């Protein structure tokens, strides 16, 4: 799944790549690397990685509402 992208509603495009035991997400010049059961916010999205190993990876995304 290397070189994939996603966006949600009118949000910015997020690129990601699968590493051996993690996922790396990119938005412009910013990036985050998340391992299994880690979460972070990037470009208005909350990203939660469930599973990341050499055979498969899962993650969920939600738009973060601005107050």
N, C-alpha and C. Protein backbone atom coordinates (compact mmCIF):
# COMPACT_ATOMS: atom_id res chain seq x y z
N UNK A 1 0.82 -1.20 0.00
CA UNK A 1 0.00 0.00 0.00
C UNK A 1 0.86 1.25 0.00
N UNK A 2 2.01 1.17 -0.48
CA UNK A 2 2.88 2.33 -0.49
C UNK A 2 2.37 3.36 -1.51
N UNK A 3 2.47 4.63 -1.16
CA UNK A 3 2.09 5.68 -2.07
C UNK A 3 0.60 5.94 -2.19
N UNK A 4 -0.19 5.64 -1.17
CA UNK A 4 -1.63 5.85 -1.20
C UNK A 4 -2.00 7.20 -0.59
N UNK A 5 -3.24 7.66 -0.88
CA UNK A 5 -3.72 8.94 -0.37
C UNK A 5 -5.18 8.83 0.04
N UNK A 6 -5.63 9.77 0.87
CA UNK A 6 -7.04 9.87 1.21
C UNK A 6 -7.37 11.30 1.59
N UNK A 7 -8.64 11.62 1.53
CA UNK A 7 -9.15 12.87 2.07
C UNK A 7 -10.57 12.59 2.54
N UNK A 8 -11.08 13.48 3.38
CA UNK A 8 -12.40 13.29 3.96
C UNK A 8 -13.18 14.60 3.78
N UNK A 9 -14.35 14.51 3.14
CA UNK A 9 -15.19 15.69 2.88
C UNK A 9 -14.37 16.76 2.17
N UNK A 10 -14.26 17.95 2.74
CA UNK A 10 -13.52 19.03 2.09
C UNK A 10 -12.14 19.22 2.70
N UNK A 11 -11.64 18.22 3.40
CA UNK A 11 -10.34 18.31 4.05
C UNK A 11 -9.18 18.13 3.08
N UNK A 12 -7.98 18.42 3.54
CA UNK A 12 -6.80 18.30 2.68
C UNK A 12 -6.46 16.82 2.39
N UNK A 13 -5.71 16.61 1.33
CA UNK A 13 -5.27 15.27 0.97
C UNK A 13 -4.13 14.84 1.90
N UNK A 14 -4.20 13.61 2.38
CA UNK A 14 -3.17 13.03 3.22
C UNK A 14 -2.57 11.83 2.48
N UNK A 15 -1.26 11.82 2.34
CA UNK A 15 -0.56 10.69 1.74
C UNK A 15 -0.06 9.80 2.86
N UNK A 16 0.05 8.51 2.59
CA UNK A 16 0.60 7.61 3.60
C UNK A 16 1.36 6.47 2.95
N UNK A 17 2.26 5.91 3.73
CA UNK A 17 2.99 4.73 3.29
C UNK A 17 3.07 3.74 4.44
N UNK A 18 3.08 2.50 4.09
CA UNK A 18 3.18 1.44 5.09
C UNK A 18 4.64 1.06 5.28
N UNK A 19 5.09 1.11 6.51
CA UNK A 19 6.43 0.67 6.85
C UNK A 19 6.32 -0.74 7.42
N UNK A 20 7.42 -1.30 7.86
CA UNK A 20 7.39 -2.69 8.34
C UNK A 20 6.48 -2.87 9.55
N UNK A 21 6.57 -1.95 10.52
CA UNK A 21 5.74 -2.08 11.72
C UNK A 21 5.04 -0.77 12.09
N UNK A 22 4.80 0.08 11.09
CA UNK A 22 4.17 1.37 11.36
C UNK A 22 3.58 1.93 10.06
N UNK A 23 2.87 3.04 10.20
CA UNK A 23 2.37 3.80 9.05
C UNK A 23 2.90 5.22 9.15
N UNK A 24 3.30 5.79 8.03
CA UNK A 24 3.76 7.18 8.01
C UNK A 24 2.77 7.98 7.17
N UNK A 25 2.29 9.10 7.75
CA UNK A 25 1.31 9.96 7.11
C UNK A 25 1.95 11.31 6.81
N UNK A 26 1.66 11.87 5.62
CA UNK A 26 2.24 13.13 5.16
C UNK A 26 1.14 14.12 4.81
N UNK A 27 1.36 15.37 5.17
CA UNK A 27 0.51 16.47 4.73
C UNK A 27 1.43 17.68 4.51
N UNK A 28 1.70 17.99 3.26
CA UNK A 28 2.65 19.06 2.96
C UNK A 28 4.03 18.69 3.47
N UNK A 29 4.64 19.56 4.25
CA UNK A 29 5.98 19.28 4.78
C UNK A 29 5.94 18.58 6.14
N UNK A 30 4.75 18.35 6.68
CA UNK A 30 4.62 17.69 7.99
C UNK A 30 4.38 16.20 7.80
N UNK A 31 4.90 15.43 8.72
CA UNK A 31 4.63 13.99 8.70
C UNK A 31 4.63 13.44 10.12
N UNK A 32 3.93 12.32 10.29
CA UNK A 32 3.91 11.60 11.56
C UNK A 32 4.06 10.11 11.25
N UNK A 33 4.68 9.40 12.17
CA UNK A 33 4.82 7.96 12.05
C UNK A 33 4.13 7.34 13.26
N UNK A 34 3.18 6.44 13.00
CA UNK A 34 2.40 5.83 14.07
C UNK A 34 2.54 4.32 14.03
N UNK A 35 2.80 3.73 15.18
CA UNK A 35 2.84 2.28 15.32
C UNK A 35 1.49 1.76 15.76
N UNK A 36 1.40 0.47 16.03
CA UNK A 36 0.13 -0.12 16.46
C UNK A 36 -0.42 0.55 17.71
N UNK A 37 -1.73 0.79 17.70
CA UNK A 37 -2.47 1.37 18.83
C UNK A 37 -1.99 2.75 19.23
N UNK A 38 -1.50 3.53 18.26
CA UNK A 38 -1.11 4.91 18.51
C UNK A 38 -2.06 5.83 17.73
N UNK A 39 -2.17 7.07 18.19
CA UNK A 39 -3.01 8.04 17.48
C UNK A 39 -2.35 9.42 17.52
N UNK A 40 -2.74 10.25 16.57
CA UNK A 40 -2.22 11.62 16.50
C UNK A 40 -3.15 12.43 15.61
N UNK A 41 -2.92 13.75 15.60
CA UNK A 41 -3.69 14.65 14.76
C UNK A 41 -2.75 15.25 13.71
N UNK A 42 -3.24 15.28 12.47
CA UNK A 42 -2.46 15.85 11.37
C UNK A 42 -3.43 16.50 10.39
N UNK A 43 -3.21 17.77 10.10
CA UNK A 43 -3.97 18.52 9.09
C UNK A 43 -5.48 18.44 9.31
N UNK A 44 -5.91 18.49 10.56
CA UNK A 44 -7.34 18.48 10.85
C UNK A 44 -7.96 17.10 10.93
N UNK A 45 -7.16 16.05 10.88
CA UNK A 45 -7.64 14.68 11.01
C UNK A 45 -7.08 14.05 12.28
N UNK A 46 -7.89 13.27 12.97
CA UNK A 46 -7.39 12.40 14.02
C UNK A 46 -7.20 11.04 13.38
N UNK A 47 -5.99 10.52 13.45
CA UNK A 47 -5.65 9.24 12.83
C UNK A 47 -5.31 8.25 13.93
N UNK A 48 -5.96 7.09 13.89
CA UNK A 48 -5.71 6.03 14.87
C UNK A 48 -5.30 4.76 14.14
N UNK A 49 -4.14 4.26 14.47
CA UNK A 49 -3.65 3.02 13.87
C UNK A 49 -4.03 1.87 14.79
N UNK A 50 -4.67 0.86 14.22
CA UNK A 50 -5.05 -0.31 15.01
C UNK A 50 -4.01 -1.40 14.95
N UNK A 51 -3.59 -1.73 13.74
CA UNK A 51 -2.67 -2.84 13.52
C UNK A 51 -1.66 -2.41 12.47
N UNK A 52 -0.40 -2.71 12.68
CA UNK A 52 0.63 -2.42 11.68
C UNK A 52 1.72 -3.45 11.82
N UNK A 53 1.77 -4.37 10.88
CA UNK A 53 2.84 -5.36 10.87
C UNK A 53 3.27 -5.60 9.44
N UNK A 54 4.10 -6.58 9.21
CA UNK A 54 4.65 -6.79 7.87
C UNK A 54 3.63 -7.30 6.87
N UNK A 55 2.48 -7.78 7.32
CA UNK A 55 1.47 -8.33 6.41
C UNK A 55 0.25 -7.44 6.22
N UNK A 56 -0.11 -6.67 7.22
CA UNK A 56 -1.31 -5.84 7.10
C UNK A 56 -1.24 -4.63 8.02
N UNK A 57 -2.08 -3.64 7.71
CA UNK A 57 -2.16 -2.43 8.52
C UNK A 57 -3.59 -1.90 8.46
N UNK A 58 -4.09 -1.40 9.59
CA UNK A 58 -5.42 -0.80 9.63
C UNK A 58 -5.33 0.55 10.34
N UNK A 59 -6.15 1.49 9.88
CA UNK A 59 -6.25 2.77 10.57
C UNK A 59 -7.62 3.36 10.34
N UNK A 60 -8.03 4.26 11.24
CA UNK A 60 -9.28 4.99 11.10
C UNK A 60 -8.98 6.48 11.15
N UNK A 61 -9.83 7.25 10.49
CA UNK A 61 -9.66 8.70 10.49
C UNK A 61 -10.96 9.39 10.84
N UNK A 62 -10.86 10.52 11.49
CA UNK A 62 -12.00 11.39 11.80
C UNK A 62 -11.56 12.82 11.57
N UNK A 63 -12.46 13.64 11.09
CA UNK A 63 -12.18 15.06 10.99
C UNK A 63 -12.28 15.67 12.38
N UNK A 64 -11.34 16.49 12.74
CA UNK A 64 -11.36 17.18 14.03
C UNK A 64 -12.12 18.48 13.86
N UNK A 65 -13.15 18.66 14.65
CA UNK A 65 -13.95 19.88 14.56
C UNK A 65 -13.22 21.03 15.24
N UNK A 66 -13.22 22.17 14.58
CA UNK A 66 -12.57 23.34 15.16
C UNK A 66 -13.56 24.05 16.06
N UNK A 67 -13.09 24.46 17.23
CA UNK A 67 -13.96 25.12 18.21
C UNK A 67 -14.23 26.55 17.85
